[in-house]
């Protein structure tokens, strides 16, 4: 999954309270393995504020998904969650052949 798909999935999971624009920027930075210090420098906020904001996102997701979400495992867990959701909503259709009931032995040339 790319970052846009991950953000869409997170916003679906967090409905009716999706990410605000700053939270989205922080999460995108986390997906890109940026440090909180790097994010704070780029976004113009303090390191502590960005760290608390990121921790709040992970806490919300952890509560919803029932497992510990961290910067180091968020992409893997969200990808797994998306795959599981797809399988659950779209199970494979079994391939069933229903043969005709009255088959006659062929007469003549085949």
C-alpha atoms as a PDB file:
ATOM      1  CA  UNK A   1       0.000   0.000   0.000  1.00  0.00           C
ATOM      2  CA  UNK A   2       1.233   3.498  -0.711  1.00  0.00           C
ATOM      3  CA  UNK A   3       1.012   6.388   1.741  1.00  0.00           C
ATOM      4  CA  UNK A   4      -2.205   7.782   0.256  1.00  0.00           C
ATOM      5  CA  UNK A   5      -3.955   4.432   0.630  1.00  0.00           C
ATOM      6  CA  UNK A   6      -2.716   4.152   4.212  1.00  0.00           C
ATOM      7  CA  UNK A   7      -4.065   7.625   5.051  1.00  0.00           C
ATOM      8  CA  UNK A   8      -7.437   6.729   3.506  1.00  0.00           C
ATOM      9  CA  UNK A   9      -7.541   3.541   5.560  1.00  0.00           C
ATOM     10  CA  UNK A  10      -6.647   5.394   8.774  1.00  0.00           C
ATOM     11  CA  UNK A  11      -9.374   7.970   8.133  1.00  0.00           C
ATOM     12  CA  UNK A  12     -11.905   5.176   7.535  1.00  0.00           C
ATOM     13  CA  UNK A  13     -10.862   3.523  10.779  1.00  0.00           C
ATOM     14  CA  UNK A  14     -11.082   6.784  12.713  1.00  0.00           C
ATOM     15  CA  UNK A  15     -14.542   7.773  11.427  1.00  0.00           C
ATOM     16  CA  UNK A  16     -16.323   9.950  12.532  1.00  0.00           C
ATOM     17  CA  UNK A  17     -13.151  11.730  13.770  1.00  0.00           C
ATOM     18  CA  UNK A  18     -10.630  11.497  10.897  1.00  0.00           C
ATOM     19  CA  UNK A  19      -7.151  12.988  10.986  1.00  0.00           C
ATOM     20  CA  UNK A  20      -6.786  16.742  10.792  1.00  0.00           C
ATOM     21  CA  UNK A  21      -4.264  18.175   8.331  1.00  0.00           C
ATOM     22  CA  UNK A  22      -1.379  18.357  10.845  1.00  0.00           C
ATOM     23  CA  UNK A  23      -2.025  14.803  12.077  1.00  0.00           C
ATOM     24  CA  UNK A  24      -2.009  13.640   8.468  1.00  0.00           C
ATOM     25  CA  UNK A  25       1.356  15.328   7.849  1.00  0.00           C
ATOM     26  CA  UNK A  26       2.792  13.721  10.987  1.00  0.00           C
ATOM     27  CA  UNK A  27       1.502  10.300   9.977  1.00  0.00           C
ATOM     28  CA  UNK A  28       2.894  10.676   6.455  1.00  0.00           C
ATOM     29  CA  UNK A  29       6.245  11.531   8.030  1.00  0.00           C
ATOM     30  CA  UNK A  30       6.017   8.408  10.176  1.00  0.00           C
ATOM     31  CA  UNK A  31       5.317   6.325   7.071  1.00  0.00           C
ATOM     32  CA  UNK A  32       8.475   7.833   5.551  1.00  0.00           C
ATOM     33  CA  UNK A  33      10.500   6.872   8.683  1.00  0.00           C
ATOM     34  CA  UNK A  34      11.184  10.505   9.589  1.00  0.00           C
ATOM     35  CA  UNK A  35      12.052  11.341  13.182  1.00  0.00           C
ATOM     36  CA  UNK A  36       9.832  13.553  15.287  1.00  0.00           C
ATOM     37  CA  UNK A  37      12.692  16.086  15.375  1.00  0.00           C
ATOM     38  CA  UNK A  38      12.832  16.151  11.580  1.00  0.00           C
ATOM     39  CA  UNK A  39       9.046  16.529  11.393  1.00  0.00           C
ATOM     40  CA  UNK A  40       9.035  19.324  13.956  1.00  0.00           C
ATOM     41  CA  UNK A  41      11.751  21.176  12.035  1.00  0.00           C
ATOM     42  CA  UNK A  42       9.821  20.845   8.758  1.00  0.00           C
ATOM     43  CA  UNK A  43       6.372  21.602  10.174  1.00  0.00           C
ATOM     44  CA  UNK A  44       7.351  24.465  12.495  1.00  0.00           C
ATOM     45  CA  UNK A  45       6.148  22.917  15.756  1.00  0.00           C
ATOM     46  CA  UNK A  46       8.089  21.799  18.811  1.00  0.00           C
ATOM     47  CA  UNK A  47       9.468  18.285  19.010  1.00  0.00           C
ATOM     48  CA  UNK A  48       7.344  17.527  22.069  1.00  0.00           C
ATOM     49  CA  UNK A  49       4.139  18.686  20.373  1.00  0.00           C
ATOM     50  CA  UNK A  50       4.763  16.515  17.311  1.00  0.00           C
ATOM     51  CA  UNK A  51       5.693  13.531  19.518  1.00  0.00           C
ATOM     52  CA  UNK A  52       2.501  13.896  21.584  1.00  0.00           C
ATOM     53  CA  UNK A  53       0.437  14.295  18.424  1.00  0.00           C
ATOM     54  CA  UNK A  54       1.946  11.133  16.915  1.00  0.00           C
ATOM     55  CA  UNK A  55       1.465   9.212  20.158  1.00  0.00           C
ATOM     56  CA  UNK A  56      -2.196  10.272  20.205  1.00  0.00           C
ATOM     57  CA  UNK A  57      -2.739   8.920  16.697  1.00  0.00           C
ATOM     58  CA  UNK A  58      -1.090   5.619  17.604  1.00  0.00           C
ATOM     59  CA  UNK A  59      -3.144   5.378  20.804  1.00  0.00           C
ATOM     60  CA  UNK A  60      -6.411   5.909  18.915  1.00  0.00           C
ATOM     61  CA  UNK A  61      -5.482   3.295  16.319  1.00  0.00           C
ATOM     62  CA  UNK A  62      -4.291   0.852  18.997  1.00  0.00           C
ATOM     63  CA  UNK A  63      -7.623   1.157  20.760  1.00  0.00           C
ATOM     64  CA  UNK A  64      -9.584   0.588  17.541  1.00  0.00           C
ATOM     65  CA  UNK A  65      -7.490  -2.309  16.241  1.00  0.00           C
ATOM     66  CA  UNK A  66      -6.904  -4.010  19.572  1.00  0.00           C
ATOM     67  CA  UNK A  67      -3.130  -4.185  19.211  1.00  0.00           C
ATOM     68  CA  UNK A  68      -0.194  -1.942  20.040  1.00  0.00           C
ATOM     69  CA  UNK A  69       0.506   0.478  17.183  1.00  0.00           C
ATOM     70  CA  UNK A  70       3.908   2.169  17.080  1.00  0.00           C
ATOM     71  CA  UNK A  71       5.926   4.124  14.557  1.00  0.00           C
ATOM     72  CA  UNK A  72       7.890   0.980  13.792  1.00  0.00           C
ATOM     73  CA  UNK A  73       4.906  -1.282  13.028  1.00  0.00           C
ATOM     74  CA  UNK A  74       2.110   0.963  11.761  1.00  0.00           C
ATOM     75  CA  UNK A  75       2.605   0.293   8.033  1.00  0.00           C
ATOM     76  CA  UNK A  76       2.733  -3.470   8.509  1.00  0.00           C
ATOM     77  CA  UNK A  77      -0.360  -3.585  10.728  1.00  0.00           C
ATOM     78  CA  UNK A  78      -2.400  -1.268   8.488  1.00  0.00           C
ATOM     79  CA  UNK A  79      -1.470  -3.275   5.395  1.00  0.00           C
ATOM     80  CA  UNK A  80      -2.458  -6.477   7.182  1.00  0.00           C
ATOM     81  CA  UNK A  81      -5.699  -4.867   8.380  1.00  0.00           C
ATOM     82  CA  UNK A  82      -6.542  -3.717   4.856  1.00  0.00           C
ATOM     83  CA  UNK A  83      -5.856  -7.193   3.438  1.00  0.00           C
ATOM     84  CA  UNK A  84      -7.973  -8.842   6.151  1.00  0.00           C
ATOM     85  CA  UNK A  85     -10.823  -6.388   5.547  1.00  0.00           C
ATOM     86  CA  UNK A  86     -10.688  -7.047   1.797  1.00  0.00           C
ATOM     87  CA  UNK A  87     -10.764 -10.820   2.307  1.00  0.00           C
ATOM     88  CA  UNK A  88     -13.651 -10.551   4.774  1.00  0.00           C
ATOM     89  CA  UNK A  89     -15.725  -8.280   2.533  1.00  0.00           C
ATOM     90  CA  UNK A  90     -14.824 -10.016  -0.721  1.00  0.00           C
ATOM     91  CA  UNK A  91     -14.475 -13.739  -0.118  1.00  0.00           C
ATOM     92  CA  UNK A  92     -13.493 -15.743  -3.178  1.00  0.00           C
ATOM     93  CA  UNK A  93     -16.410 -17.162  -5.118  1.00  0.00           C
ATOM     94  CA  UNK A  94     -16.319 -20.934  -5.198  1.00  0.00           C
ATOM     95  CA  UNK A  95     -16.187 -22.455  -8.649  1.00  0.00           C
ATOM     96  CA  UNK A  96     -19.076 -24.888  -8.792  1.00  0.00           C
ATOM     97  CA  UNK A  97     -20.172 -26.803 -11.852  1.00  0.00           C
ATOM     98  CA  UNK A  98     -23.692 -28.123 -11.877  1.00  0.00           C
ATOM     99  CA  UNK A  99     -23.845 -30.892 -14.473  1.00  0.00           C
ATOM    100  CA  UNK A 100     -27.116 -31.476 -16.310  1.00  0.00           C
ATOM    101  CA  UNK A 101     -29.322 -34.076 -14.644  1.00  0.00           C
ATOM    102  CA  UNK A 102     -30.206 -36.150 -17.708  1.00  0.00           C
ATOM    103  CA  UNK A 103     -27.130 -37.056 -19.690  1.00  0.00           C
ATOM    104  CA  UNK A 104     -27.770 -39.425 -22.584  1.00  0.00           C
ATOM    105  CA  UNK A 105     -25.169 -41.609 -24.152  1.00  0.00           C
ATOM    106  CA  UNK A 106     -24.412 -40.092 -27.569  1.00  0.00           C
ATOM    107  CA  UNK A 107     -25.733 -41.818 -30.697  1.00  0.00           C
ATOM    108  CA  UNK A 108     -23.984 -41.748 -34.035  1.00  0.00           C
ATOM    109  CA  UNK A 109     -20.755 -40.047 -34.951  1.00  0.00           C
ATOM    110  CA  UNK A 110     -19.201 -37.746 -32.445  1.00  0.00           C
END
